[in-house]
Amino acid sequence: MIPVSQFLGICVDIAFLLLSISFIVIVYRIVTGPTLPDRILALDMLIAVAIGFIATFGVHSGFYLYVDIAIALGLIGFLSTVAFARFVLTRGSTEDIPSALDEGRDQ
């Protein structure tokens, strides 16, 4: 039977390996993404992988304050994804009110 600390070290190494592979795949999708929504989704996944890296490093180092940092990054990542989604919906338009509502006021 292997000791718990050695088993945890093996699991952390495997997690770092899997996160590194997913990071490479996500960067490839960001560079070659055919559309803007594909790139935005890849950026959102990149934030999720960064959260995984931070949390895994926190477990590896034994300093669990990194988990709080990962939670804060998750909140920031969520807000940035919402902002990007709003940009895609408006396609960069600077108007807050859609033009269809403005046409009804002219009559």
PDB file of N, CA and C in Angstrom:
ATOM      1  N   MET A   1       0.846  -1.176   0.000  1.00  0.00           N
ATOM      2  CA  MET A   1       0.000   0.000   0.000  1.00  0.00           C
ATOM      3  C   MET A   1       0.894   1.244   0.000  1.00  0.00           C
ATOM      4  N   ILE A   2       0.573   2.201  -0.878  1.00  0.00           N
ATOM      5  CA  ILE A   2       1.387   3.415  -0.943  1.00  0.00           C
ATOM      6  C   ILE A   2       0.876   4.437   0.071  1.00  0.00           C
ATOM      7  N   PRO A   3       1.778   5.229   0.607  1.00  0.00           N
ATOM      8  CA  PRO A   3       1.345   6.257   1.570  1.00  0.00           C
ATOM      9  C   PRO A   3       0.457   7.313   0.913  1.00  0.00           C
ATOM     10  N   VAL A   4      -0.340   7.961   1.728  1.00  0.00           N
ATOM     11  CA  VAL A   4      -1.294   8.957   1.234  1.00  0.00           C
ATOM     12  C   VAL A   4      -0.565  10.139   0.590  1.00  0.00           C
ATOM     13  N   SER A   5       0.524  10.591   1.171  1.00  0.00           N
ATOM     14  CA  SER A   5       1.250  11.740   0.620  1.00  0.00           C
ATOM     15  C   SER A   5       1.839  11.416  -0.755  1.00  0.00           C
ATOM     16  N   GLN A   6       2.305  10.183  -0.937  1.00  0.00           N
ATOM     17  CA  GLN A   6       2.842   9.795  -2.242  1.00  0.00           C
ATOM     18  C   GLN A   6       1.718   9.691  -3.272  1.00  0.00           C
ATOM     19  N   PHE A   7       0.565   9.169  -2.851  1.00  0.00           N
ATOM     20  CA  PHE A   7      -0.582   9.075  -3.749  1.00  0.00           C
ATOM     21  C   PHE A   7      -1.066  10.462  -4.162  1.00  0.00           C
ATOM     22  N   LEU A   8      -1.098  11.395  -3.202  1.00  0.00           N
ATOM     23  CA  LEU A   8      -1.500  12.767  -3.511  1.00  0.00           C
ATOM     24  C   LEU A   8      -0.523  13.414  -4.489  1.00  0.00           C
ATOM     25  N   GLY A   9       0.770  13.166  -4.307  1.00  0.00           N
ATOM     26  CA  GLY A   9       1.769  13.703  -5.229  1.00  0.00           C
ATOM     27  C   GLY A   9       1.597  13.175  -6.640  1.00  0.00           C
ATOM     28  N   ILE A  10       1.281  11.891  -6.769  1.00  0.00           N
ATOM     29  CA  ILE A  10       1.046  11.299  -8.095  1.00  0.00           C
ATOM     30  C   ILE A  10      -0.193  11.921  -8.730  1.00  0.00           C
ATOM     31  N   CYS A  11      -1.256  12.096  -7.938  1.00  0.00           N
ATOM     32  CA  CYS A  11      -2.491  12.695  -8.470  1.00  0.00           C
ATOM     33  C   CYS A  11      -2.268  14.140  -8.918  1.00  0.00           C
ATOM     34  N   VAL A  12      -1.482  14.883  -8.158  1.00  0.00           N
ATOM     35  CA  VAL A  12      -1.191  16.273  -8.528  1.00  0.00           C
ATOM     36  C   VAL A  12      -0.374  16.312  -9.813  1.00  0.00           C
ATOM     37  N   ASP A  13       0.589  15.409  -9.965  1.00  0.00           N
ATOM     38  CA  ASP A  13       1.377  15.360 -11.199  1.00  0.00           C
ATOM     39  C   ASP A  13       0.512  15.020 -12.404  1.00  0.00           C
ATOM     40  N   ILE A  14      -0.401  14.075 -12.238  1.00  0.00           N
ATOM     41  CA  ILE A  14      -1.319  13.715 -13.327  1.00  0.00           C
ATOM     42  C   ILE A  14      -2.225  14.898 -13.664  1.00  0.00           C
ATOM     43  N   ALA A  15      -2.691  15.608 -12.636  1.00  0.00           N
ATOM     44  CA  ALA A  15      -3.549  16.777 -12.876  1.00  0.00           C
ATOM     45  C   ALA A  15      -2.796  17.857 -13.640  1.00  0.00           C
ATOM     46  N   PHE A  16      -1.532  18.115 -13.269  1.00  0.00           N
ATOM     47  CA  PHE A  16      -0.743  19.096 -14.000  1.00  0.00           C
ATOM     48  C   PHE A  16      -0.552  18.672 -15.456  1.00  0.00           C
ATOM     49  N   LEU A  17      -0.319  17.397 -15.690  1.00  0.00           N
ATOM     50  CA  LEU A  17      -0.145  16.903 -17.061  1.00  0.00           C
ATOM     51  C   LEU A  17      -1.415  17.098 -17.879  1.00  0.00           C
ATOM     52  N   LEU A  18      -2.558  16.712 -17.317  1.00  0.00           N
ATOM     53  CA  LEU A  18      -3.819  16.858 -18.045  1.00  0.00           C
ATOM     54  C   LEU A  18      -4.178  18.324 -18.280  1.00  0.00           C
ATOM     55  N   LEU A  19      -3.914  19.168 -17.300  1.00  0.00           N
ATOM     56  CA  LEU A  19      -4.177  20.598 -17.480  1.00  0.00           C
ATOM     57  C   LEU A  19      -3.259  21.198 -18.538  1.00  0.00           C
ATOM     58  N   SER A  20      -2.025  20.744 -18.607  1.00  0.00           N
ATOM     59  CA  SER A  20      -1.100  21.245 -19.633  1.00  0.00           C
ATOM     60  C   SER A  20      -1.550  20.839 -21.032  1.00  0.00           C
ATOM     61  N   ILE A  21      -2.000  19.600 -21.171  1.00  0.00           N
ATOM     62  CA  ILE A  21      -2.496  19.140 -22.473  1.00  0.00           C
ATOM     63  C   ILE A  21      -3.728  19.941 -22.883  1.00  0.00           C
ATOM     64  N   SER A  22      -4.649  20.146 -21.948  1.00  0.00           N
ATOM     65  CA  SER A  22      -5.847  20.920 -22.283  1.00  0.00           C
ATOM     66  C   SER A  22      -5.506  22.373 -22.594  1.00  0.00           C
ATOM     67  N   PHE A  23      -4.505  22.924 -21.915  1.00  0.00           N
ATOM     68  CA  PHE A  23      -4.067  24.290 -22.213  1.00  0.00           C
ATOM     69  C   PHE A  23      -3.577  24.399 -23.656  1.00  0.00           C
ATOM     70  N   ILE A  24      -2.798  23.435 -24.105  1.00  0.00           N
ATOM     71  CA  ILE A  24      -2.278  23.458 -25.480  1.00  0.00           C
ATOM     72  C   ILE A  24      -3.419  23.356 -26.484  1.00  0.00           C
ATOM     73  N   VAL A  25      -4.376  22.466 -26.222  1.00  0.00           N
ATOM     74  CA  VAL A  25      -5.517  22.308 -27.137  1.00  0.00           C
ATOM     75  C   VAL A  25      -6.353  23.592 -27.188  1.00  0.00           C
ATOM     76  N   ILE A  26      -6.547  24.231 -26.045  1.00  0.00           N
ATOM     77  CA  ILE A  26      -7.348  25.454 -26.000  1.00  0.00           C
ATOM     78  C   ILE A  26      -6.646  26.600 -26.720  1.00  0.00           C
ATOM     79  N   VAL A  27      -5.344  26.726 -26.553  1.00  0.00           N
ATOM     80  CA  VAL A  27      -4.606  27.777 -27.264  1.00  0.00           C
ATOM     81  C   VAL A  27      -4.693  27.549 -28.769  1.00  0.00           C
ATOM     82  N   TYR A  28      -4.640  26.299 -29.190  1.00  0.00           N
ATOM     83  CA  TYR A  28      -4.809  25.988 -30.616  1.00  0.00           C
ATOM     84  C   TYR A  28      -6.182  26.447 -31.104  1.00  0.00           C
ATOM     85  N   ARG A  29      -7.227  26.215 -30.295  1.00  0.00           N
ATOM     86  CA  ARG A  29      -8.579  26.627 -30.693  1.00  0.00           C
ATOM     87  C   ARG A  29      -8.694  28.143 -30.738  1.00  0.00           C
ATOM     88  N   ILE A  30      -8.020  28.844 -29.842  1.00  0.00           N
ATOM     89  CA  ILE A  30      -8.064  30.304 -29.862  1.00  0.00           C
ATOM     90  C   ILE A  30      -7.417  30.838 -31.126  1.00  0.00           C
ATOM     91  N   VAL A  31      -6.302  30.249 -31.520  1.00  0.00           N
ATOM     92  CA  VAL A  31      -5.572  30.722 -32.704  1.00  0.00           C
ATOM     93  C   VAL A  31      -6.313  30.367 -33.982  1.00  0.00           C
ATOM     94  N   THR A  32      -6.867  29.156 -34.064  1.00  0.00           N
ATOM     95  CA  THR A  32      -7.470  28.708 -35.321  1.00  0.00           C
ATOM     96  C   THR A  32      -8.989  28.758 -35.328  1.00  0.00           C
ATOM     97  N   GLY A  33      -9.597  29.271 -34.266  1.00  0.00           N
ATOM     98  CA  GLY A  33     -11.056  29.301 -34.201  1.00  0.00           C
ATOM     99  C   GLY A  33     -11.654  30.009 -35.399  1.00  0.00           C
ATOM    100  N   PRO A  34     -12.566  29.358 -36.111  1.00  0.00           N
ATOM    101  CA  PRO A  34     -13.088  29.989 -37.330  1.00  0.00           C
ATOM    102  C   PRO A  34     -13.983  31.198 -37.060  1.00  0.00           C
ATOM    103  N   THR A  35     -14.655  31.226 -35.926  1.00  0.00           N
ATOM    104  CA  THR A  35     -15.559  32.344 -35.661  1.00  0.00           C
ATOM    105  C   THR A  35     -15.234  32.975 -34.309  1.00  0.00           C
ATOM    106  N   LEU A  36     -15.775  34.151 -34.097  1.00  0.00           N
ATOM    107  CA  LEU A  36     -15.570  34.859 -32.834  1.00  0.00           C
ATOM    108  C   LEU A  36     -16.172  34.119 -31.637  1.00  0.00           C
ATOM    109  N   PRO A  37     -17.389  33.557 -31.750  1.00  0.00           N
ATOM    110  CA  PRO A  37     -17.908  32.798 -30.598  1.00  0.00           C
ATOM    111  C   PRO A  37     -17.038  31.588 -30.228  1.00  0.00           C
ATOM    112  N   ASP A  38     -16.411  30.957 -31.209  1.00  0.00           N
ATOM    113  CA  ASP A  38     -15.496  29.852 -30.904  1.00  0.00           C
ATOM    114  C   ASP A  38     -14.316  30.342 -30.077  1.00  0.00           C
ATOM    115  N   ARG A  39     -13.797  31.478 -30.433  1.00  0.00           N
ATOM    116  CA  ARG A  39     -12.667  32.033 -29.682  1.00  0.00           C
ATOM    117  C   ARG A  39     -13.074  32.468 -28.283  1.00  0.00           C
ATOM    118  N   ILE A  40     -14.272  33.021 -28.146  1.00  0.00           N
ATOM    119  CA  ILE A  40     -14.758  33.432 -26.825  1.00  0.00           C
ATOM    120  C   ILE A  40     -14.953  32.216 -25.932  1.00  0.00           C
ATOM    121  N   LEU A  41     -15.512  31.151 -26.477  1.00  0.00           N
ATOM    122  CA  LEU A  41     -15.680  29.930 -25.708  1.00  0.00           C
ATOM    123  C   LEU A  41     -14.330  29.352 -25.305  1.00  0.00           C
ATOM    124  N   ALA A  42     -13.348  29.426 -26.187  1.00  0.00           N
ATOM    125  CA  ALA A  42     -12.009  28.938 -25.858  1.00  0.00           C
ATOM    126  C   ALA A  42     -11.373  29.790 -24.760  1.00  0.00           C
ATOM    127  N   LEU A  43     -11.595  31.087 -24.798  1.00  0.00           N
ATOM    128  CA  LEU A  43     -11.080  31.942 -23.721  1.00  0.00           C
ATOM    129  C   LEU A  43     -11.732  31.605 -22.385  1.00  0.00           C
ATOM    130  N   ASP A  44     -13.016  31.296 -22.409  1.00  0.00           N
ATOM    131  CA  ASP A  44     -13.695  30.890 -21.189  1.00  0.00           C
ATOM    132  C   ASP A  44     -13.108  29.579 -20.658  1.00  0.00           C
ATOM    133  N   MET A  45     -12.824  28.657 -21.540  1.00  0.00           N
ATOM    134  CA  MET A  45     -12.195  27.402 -21.118  1.00  0.00           C
ATOM    135  C   MET A  45     -10.777  27.633 -20.618  1.00  0.00           C
ATOM    136  N   LEU A  46     -10.085  28.612 -21.203  1.00  0.00           N
ATOM    137  CA  LEU A  46      -8.735  28.930 -20.745  1.00  0.00           C
ATOM    138  C   LEU A  46      -8.767  29.440 -19.298  1.00  0.00           C
ATOM    139  N   ILE A  47      -9.777  30.196 -18.960  1.00  0.00           N
ATOM    140  CA  ILE A  47      -9.934  30.657 -17.586  1.00  0.00           C
ATOM    141  C   ILE A  47     -10.208  29.468 -16.666  1.00  0.00           C
ATOM    142  N   ALA A  48     -11.023  28.516 -17.126  1.00  0.00           N
ATOM    143  CA  ALA A  48     -11.297  27.332 -16.319  1.00  0.00           C
ATOM    144  C   ALA A  48     -10.025  26.516 -16.082  1.00  0.00           C
ATOM    145  N   VAL A  49      -9.181  26.402 -17.101  1.00  0.00           N
ATOM    146  CA  VAL A  49      -7.917  25.675 -16.948  1.00  0.00           C
ATOM    147  C   VAL A  49      -6.982  26.439 -16.013  1.00  0.00           C
ATOM    148  N   ALA A  50      -6.982  27.758 -16.097  1.00  0.00           N
ATOM    149  CA  ALA A  50      -6.161  28.555 -15.183  1.00  0.00           C
ATOM    150  C   ALA A  50      -6.617  28.363 -13.735  1.00  0.00           C
ATOM    151  N   ILE A  51      -7.925  28.277 -13.531  1.00  0.00           N
ATOM    152  CA  ILE A  51      -8.448  27.996 -12.195  1.00  0.00           C
ATOM    153  C   ILE A  51      -7.971  26.626 -11.726  1.00  0.00           C
ATOM    154  N   GLY A  52      -7.972  25.660 -12.639  1.00  0.00           N
ATOM    155  CA  GLY A  52      -7.481  24.329 -12.299  1.00  0.00           C
ATOM    156  C   GLY A  52      -6.010  24.340 -11.928  1.00  0.00           C
ATOM    157  N   PHE A  53      -5.206  25.087 -12.690  1.00  0.00           N
ATOM    158  CA  PHE A  53      -3.776  25.208 -12.375  1.00  0.00           C
ATOM    159  C   PHE A  53      -3.569  25.826 -10.989  1.00  0.00           C
ATOM    160  N   ILE A  54      -4.294  26.888 -10.703  1.00  0.00           N
ATOM    161  CA  ILE A  54      -4.131  27.569  -9.417  1.00  0.00           C
ATOM    162  C   ILE A  54      -4.544  26.651  -8.266  1.00  0.00           C
ATOM    163  N   ALA A  55      -5.673  25.974  -8.412  1.00  0.00           N
ATOM    164  CA  ALA A  55      -6.135  25.083  -7.348  1.00  0.00           C
ATOM    165  C   ALA A  55      -5.189  23.896  -7.167  1.00  0.00           C
ATOM    166  N   THR A  56      -4.696  23.341  -8.260  1.00  0.00           N
ATOM    167  CA  THR A  56      -3.766  22.213  -8.166  1.00  0.00           C
ATOM    168  C   THR A  56      -2.452  22.651  -7.539  1.00  0.00           C
ATOM    169  N   PHE A  57      -1.983  23.836  -7.890  1.00  0.00           N
ATOM    170  CA  PHE A  57      -0.761  24.337  -7.271  1.00  0.00           C
ATOM    171  C   PHE A  57      -0.969  24.586  -5.779  1.00  0.00           C
ATOM    172  N   GLY A  58      -2.172  25.018  -5.404  1.00  0.00           N
ATOM    173  CA  GLY A  58      -2.483  25.203  -3.996  1.00  0.00           C
ATOM    174  C   GLY A  58      -2.439  23.892  -3.227  1.00  0.00           C
ATOM    175  N   VAL A  59      -2.949  22.834  -3.827  1.00  0.00           N
ATOM    176  CA  VAL A  59      -2.890  21.522  -3.185  1.00  0.00           C
ATOM    177  C   VAL A  59      -1.441  21.037  -3.124  1.00  0.00           C
ATOM    178  N   HIS A  60      -0.694  21.271  -4.200  1.00  0.00           N
ATOM    179  CA  HIS A  60       0.706  20.832  -4.258  1.00  0.00           C
ATOM    180  C   HIS A  60       1.568  21.542  -3.216  1.00  0.00           C
ATOM    181  N   SER A  61       1.351  22.838  -3.053  1.00  0.00           N
ATOM    182  CA  SER A  61       2.181  23.602  -2.126  1.00  0.00           C
ATOM    183  C   SER A  61       1.687  23.521  -0.683  1.00  0.00           C
ATOM    184  N   GLY A  62       0.426  23.136  -0.501  1.00  0.00           N
ATOM    185  CA  GLY A  62      -0.132  23.084   0.840  1.00  0.00           C
ATOM    186  C   GLY A  62      -0.615  24.427   1.347  1.00  0.00           C
ATOM    187  N   PHE A  63      -0.541  25.451   0.514  1.00  0.00           N
ATOM    188  CA  PHE A  63      -0.986  26.793   0.870  1.00  0.00           C
ATOM    189  C   PHE A  63      -2.351  26.999   0.224  1.00  0.00           C
ATOM    190  N   TYR A  64      -3.417  26.789   0.988  1.00  0.00           N
ATOM    191  CA  TYR A  64      -4.758  26.717   0.414  1.00  0.00           C
ATOM    192  C   TYR A  64      -5.398  28.072   0.161  1.00  0.00           C
ATOM    193  N   LEU A  65      -4.654  29.156   0.349  1.00  0.00           N
ATOM    194  CA  LEU A  65      -5.173  30.472  -0.011  1.00  0.00           C
ATOM    195  C   LEU A  65      -5.324  30.581  -1.532  1.00  0.00           C
ATOM    196  N   TYR A  66      -4.582  29.766  -2.266  1.00  0.00           N
ATOM    197  CA  TYR A  66      -4.695  29.762  -3.721  1.00  0.00           C
ATOM    198  C   TYR A  66      -6.098  29.376  -4.183  1.00  0.00           C
ATOM    199  N   VAL A  67      -6.797  28.590  -3.391  1.00  0.00           N
ATOM    200  CA  VAL A  67      -8.165  28.219  -3.755  1.00  0.00           C
ATOM    201  C   VAL A  67      -9.059  29.453  -3.743  1.00  0.00           C
ATOM    202  N   ASP A  68      -8.857  30.351  -2.808  1.00  0.00           N
ATOM    203  CA  ASP A  68      -9.620  31.603  -2.788  1.00  0.00           C
ATOM    204  C   ASP A  68      -9.312  32.454  -4.014  1.00  0.00           C
ATOM    205  N   ILE A  69      -8.067  32.463  -4.416  1.00  0.00           N
ATOM    206  CA  ILE A  69      -7.672  33.200  -5.627  1.00  0.00           C
ATOM    207  C   ILE A  69      -8.345  32.586  -6.846  1.00  0.00           C
ATOM    208  N   ALA A  70      -8.430  31.253  -6.886  1.00  0.00           N
ATOM    209  CA  ALA A  70      -9.093  30.573  -8.006  1.00  0.00           C
ATOM    210  C   ALA A  70     -10.576  30.930  -8.052  1.00  0.00           C
ATOM    211  N   ILE A  71     -11.208  31.054  -6.901  1.00  0.00           N
ATOM    212  CA  ILE A  71     -12.623  31.439  -6.865  1.00  0.00           C
ATOM    213  C   ILE A  71     -12.800  32.865  -7.387  1.00  0.00           C
ATOM    214  N   ALA A  72     -11.926  33.763  -6.996  1.00  0.00           N
ATOM    215  CA  ALA A  72     -12.007  35.142  -7.492  1.00  0.00           C
ATOM    216  C   ALA A  72     -11.792  35.186  -9.005  1.00  0.00           C
ATOM    217  N   LEU A  73     -10.858  34.387  -9.509  1.00  0.00           N
ATOM    218  CA  LEU A  73     -10.641  34.330 -10.962  1.00  0.00           C
ATOM    219  C   LEU A  73     -11.864  33.769 -11.672  1.00  0.00           C
ATOM    220  N   GLY A  74     -12.553  32.842 -11.035  1.00  0.00           N
ATOM    221  CA  GLY A  74     -13.790  32.314 -11.618  1.00  0.00           C
ATOM    222  C   GLY A  74     -14.860  33.377 -11.751  1.00  0.00           C
ATOM    223  N   LEU A  75     -14.980  34.235 -10.762  1.00  0.00           N
ATOM    224  CA  LEU A  75     -15.958  35.329 -10.842  1.00  0.00           C
ATOM    225  C   LEU A  75     -15.602  36.317 -11.945  1.00  0.00           C
ATOM    226  N   ILE A  76     -14.328  36.651 -12.035  1.00  0.00           N
ATOM    227  CA  ILE A  76     -13.884  37.571 -13.087  1.00  0.00           C
ATOM    228  C   ILE A  76     -14.079  36.939 -14.465  1.00  0.00           C
ATOM    229  N   GLY A  77     -13.778  35.654 -14.564  1.00  0.00           N
ATOM    230  CA  GLY A  77     -13.968  34.955 -15.836  1.00  0.00           C
ATOM    231  C   GLY A  77     -15.419  34.918 -16.260  1.00  0.00           C
ATOM    232  N   PHE A  78     -16.322  34.718 -15.302  1.00  0.00           N
ATOM    233  CA  PHE A  78     -17.745  34.724 -15.624  1.00  0.00           C
ATOM    234  C   PHE A  78     -18.185  36.086 -16.143  1.00  0.00           C
ATOM    235  N   LEU A  79     -17.765  37.138 -15.477  1.00  0.00           N
ATOM    236  CA  LEU A  79     -18.143  38.482 -15.920  1.00  0.00           C
ATOM    237  C   LEU A  79     -17.570  38.808 -17.296  1.00  0.00           C
ATOM    238  N   SER A  80     -16.351  38.372 -17.567  1.00  0.00           N
ATOM    239  CA  SER A  80     -15.778  38.643 -18.887  1.00  0.00           C
ATOM    240  C   SER A  80     -16.502  37.855 -19.976  1.00  0.00           C
ATOM    241  N   THR A  81     -16.930  36.644 -19.668  1.00  0.00           N
ATOM    242  CA  THR A  81     -17.689  35.864 -20.649  1.00  0.00           C
ATOM    243  C   THR A  81     -19.026  36.526 -20.951  1.00  0.00           C
ATOM    244  N   VAL A  82     -19.681  37.047 -19.930  1.00  0.00           N
ATOM    245  CA  VAL A  82     -20.944  37.751 -20.147  1.00  0.00           C
ATOM    246  C   VAL A  82     -20.719  39.004 -20.992  1.00  0.00           C
ATOM    247  N   ALA A  83     -19.626  39.717 -20.736  1.00  0.00           N
ATOM    248  CA  ALA A  83     -19.331  40.918 -21.519  1.00  0.00           C
ATOM    249  C   ALA A  83     -19.047  40.562 -22.973  1.00  0.00           C
ATOM    250  N   PHE A  84     -18.284  39.502 -23.206  1.00  0.00           N
ATOM    251  CA  PHE A  84     -18.019  39.077 -24.584  1.00  0.00           C
ATOM    252  C   PHE A  84     -19.301  38.631 -25.286  1.00  0.00           C
ATOM    253  N   ALA A  85     -20.178  37.932 -24.571  1.00  0.00           N
ATOM    254  CA  ALA A  85     -21.440  37.485 -25.165  1.00  0.00           C
ATOM    255  C   ALA A  85     -22.309  38.681 -25.536  1.00  0.00           C
ATOM    256  N   ARG A  86     -22.312  39.686 -24.694  1.00  0.00           N
ATOM    257  CA  ARG A  86     -23.082  40.900 -25.010  1.00  0.00           C
ATOM    258  C   ARG A  86     -22.500  41.596 -26.239  1.00  0.00           C
ATOM    259  N   PHE A  87     -21.178  41.604 -26.348  1.00  0.00           N
ATOM    260  CA  PHE A  87     -20.539  42.199 -27.517  1.00  0.00           C
ATOM    261  C   PHE A  87     -20.911  41.445 -28.787  1.00  0.00           C
ATOM    262  N   VAL A  88     -20.934  40.123 -28.717  1.00  0.00           N
ATOM    263  CA  VAL A  88     -21.288  39.329 -29.900  1.00  0.00           C
ATOM    264  C   VAL A  88     -22.736  39.589 -30.291  1.00  0.00           C
ATOM    265  N   LEU A  89     -23.627  39.730 -29.306  1.00  0.00           N
ATOM    266  CA  LEU A  89     -25.030  39.978 -29.622  1.00  0.00           C
ATOM    267  C   LEU A  89     -25.232  41.341 -30.279  1.00  0.00           C
ATOM    268  N   THR A  90     -24.515  42.342 -29.814  1.00  0.00           N
ATOM    269  CA  THR A  90     -24.690  43.670 -30.396  1.00  0.00           C
ATOM    270  C   THR A  90     -23.760  43.919 -31.576  1.00  0.00           C
ATOM    271  N   ARG A  91     -22.784  43.056 -31.775  1.00  0.00           N
ATOM    272  CA  ARG A  91     -21.806  43.160 -32.874  1.00  0.00           C
ATOM    273  C   ARG A  91     -21.094  44.499 -32.874  1.00  0.00           C
ATOM    274  N   GLY A  92     -20.783  44.979 -31.678  1.00  0.00           N
ATOM    275  CA  GLY A  92     -19.994  46.191 -31.575  1.00  0.00           C
ATOM    276  C   GLY A  92     -20.792  47.465 -31.685  1.00  0.00           C
ATOM    277  N   SER A  93     -22.111  47.379 -31.730  1.00  0.00           N
ATOM    278  CA  SER A  93     -22.927  48.583 -31.820  1.00  0.00           C
ATOM    279  C   SER A  93     -22.848  49.358 -30.511  1.00  0.00           C
ATOM    280  N   THR A  94     -22.834  50.670 -30.594  1.00  0.00           N
ATOM    281  CA  THR A  94     -22.703  51.495 -29.395  1.00  0.00           C
ATOM    282  C   THR A  94     -24.045  51.906 -28.821  1.00  0.00           C
ATOM    283  N   GLU A  95     -25.118  51.556 -29.481  1.00  0.00           N
ATOM    284  CA  GLU A  95     -26.442  51.935 -29.001  1.00  0.00           C
ATOM    285  C   GLU A  95     -26.903  50.957 -27.940  1.00  0.00           C
ATOM    286  N   ASP A  96     -27.515  51.487 -26.873  1.00  0.00           N
ATOM    287  CA  ASP A  96     -28.082  50.628 -25.846  1.00  0.00           C
ATOM    288  C   ASP A  96     -29.499  50.206 -26.198  1.00  0.00           C
ATOM    289  N   ILE A  97     -30.206  51.064 -26.941  1.00  0.00           N
ATOM    290  CA  ILE A  97     -31.584  50.774 -27.321  1.00  0.00           C
ATOM    291  C   ILE A  97     -31.571  50.274 -28.756  1.00  0.00           C
ATOM    292  N   PRO A  98     -32.191  49.117 -29.038  1.00  0.00           N
ATOM    293  CA  PRO A  98     -32.232  48.615 -30.405  1.00  0.00           C
ATOM    294  C   PRO A  98     -32.967  49.584 -31.331  1.00  0.00           C
ATOM    295  N   SER A  99     -32.591  49.576 -32.593  1.00  0.00           N
ATOM    296  CA  SER A  99     -33.161  50.516 -33.557  1.00  0.00           C
ATOM    297  C   SER A  99     -34.639  50.258 -33.793  1.00  0.00           C
ATOM    298  N   ALA A 100     -35.145  49.042 -33.564  1.00  0.00           N
ATOM    299  CA  ALA A 100     -36.550  48.744 -33.782  1.00  0.00           C
ATOM    300  C   ALA A 100     -37.423  49.537 -32.799  1.00  0.00           C
ATOM    301  N   LEU A 101     -36.925  49.759 -31.595  1.00  0.00           N
ATOM    302  CA  LEU A 101     -37.688  50.562 -30.639  1.00  0.00           C
ATOM    303  C   LEU A 101     -37.676  52.043 -31.019  1.00  0.00           C
ATOM    304  N   ASP A 102     -36.601  52.498 -31.611  1.00  0.00           N
ATOM    305  CA  ASP A 102     -36.496  53.891 -32.025  1.00  0.00           C
ATOM    306  C   ASP A 102     -37.455  54.189 -33.180  1.00  0.00           C
ATOM    307  N   GLU A 103     -37.718  53.222 -34.057  1.00  0.00           N
ATOM    308  CA  GLU A 103     -38.616  53.448 -35.187  1.00  0.00           C
ATOM    309  C   GLU A 103     -40.042  53.654 -34.712  1.00  0.00           C
ATOM    310  N   GLY A 104     -40.438  53.001 -33.614  1.00  0.00           N
ATOM    311  CA  GLY A 104     -41.800  53.158 -33.094  1.00  0.00           C
ATOM    312  C   GLY A 104     -42.026  54.526 -32.491  1.00  0.00           C
ATOM    313  N   ARG A 105     -40.993  55.205 -32.036  1.00  0.00           N
ATOM    314  CA  ARG A 105     -41.129  56.531 -31.434  1.00  0.00           C
ATOM    315  C   ARG A 105     -41.321  57.614 -32.494  1.00  0.00           C
ATOM    316  N   ASP A 106     -40.815  57.411 -33.692  1.00  0.00           N
ATOM    317  CA  ASP A 106     -40.899  58.414 -34.743  1.00  0.00           C
ATOM    318  C   ASP A 106     -42.324  58.568 -35.265  1.00  0.00           C
ATOM    319  N   GLN A 107     -43.152  57.582 -35.104  1.00  0.00           N
ATOM    320  CA  GLN A 107     -44.498  57.635 -35.693  1.00  0.00           C
ATOM    321  C   GLN A 107     -45.452  58.359 -34.848  1.00  0.00           C
TER     322      GLN A 107
END
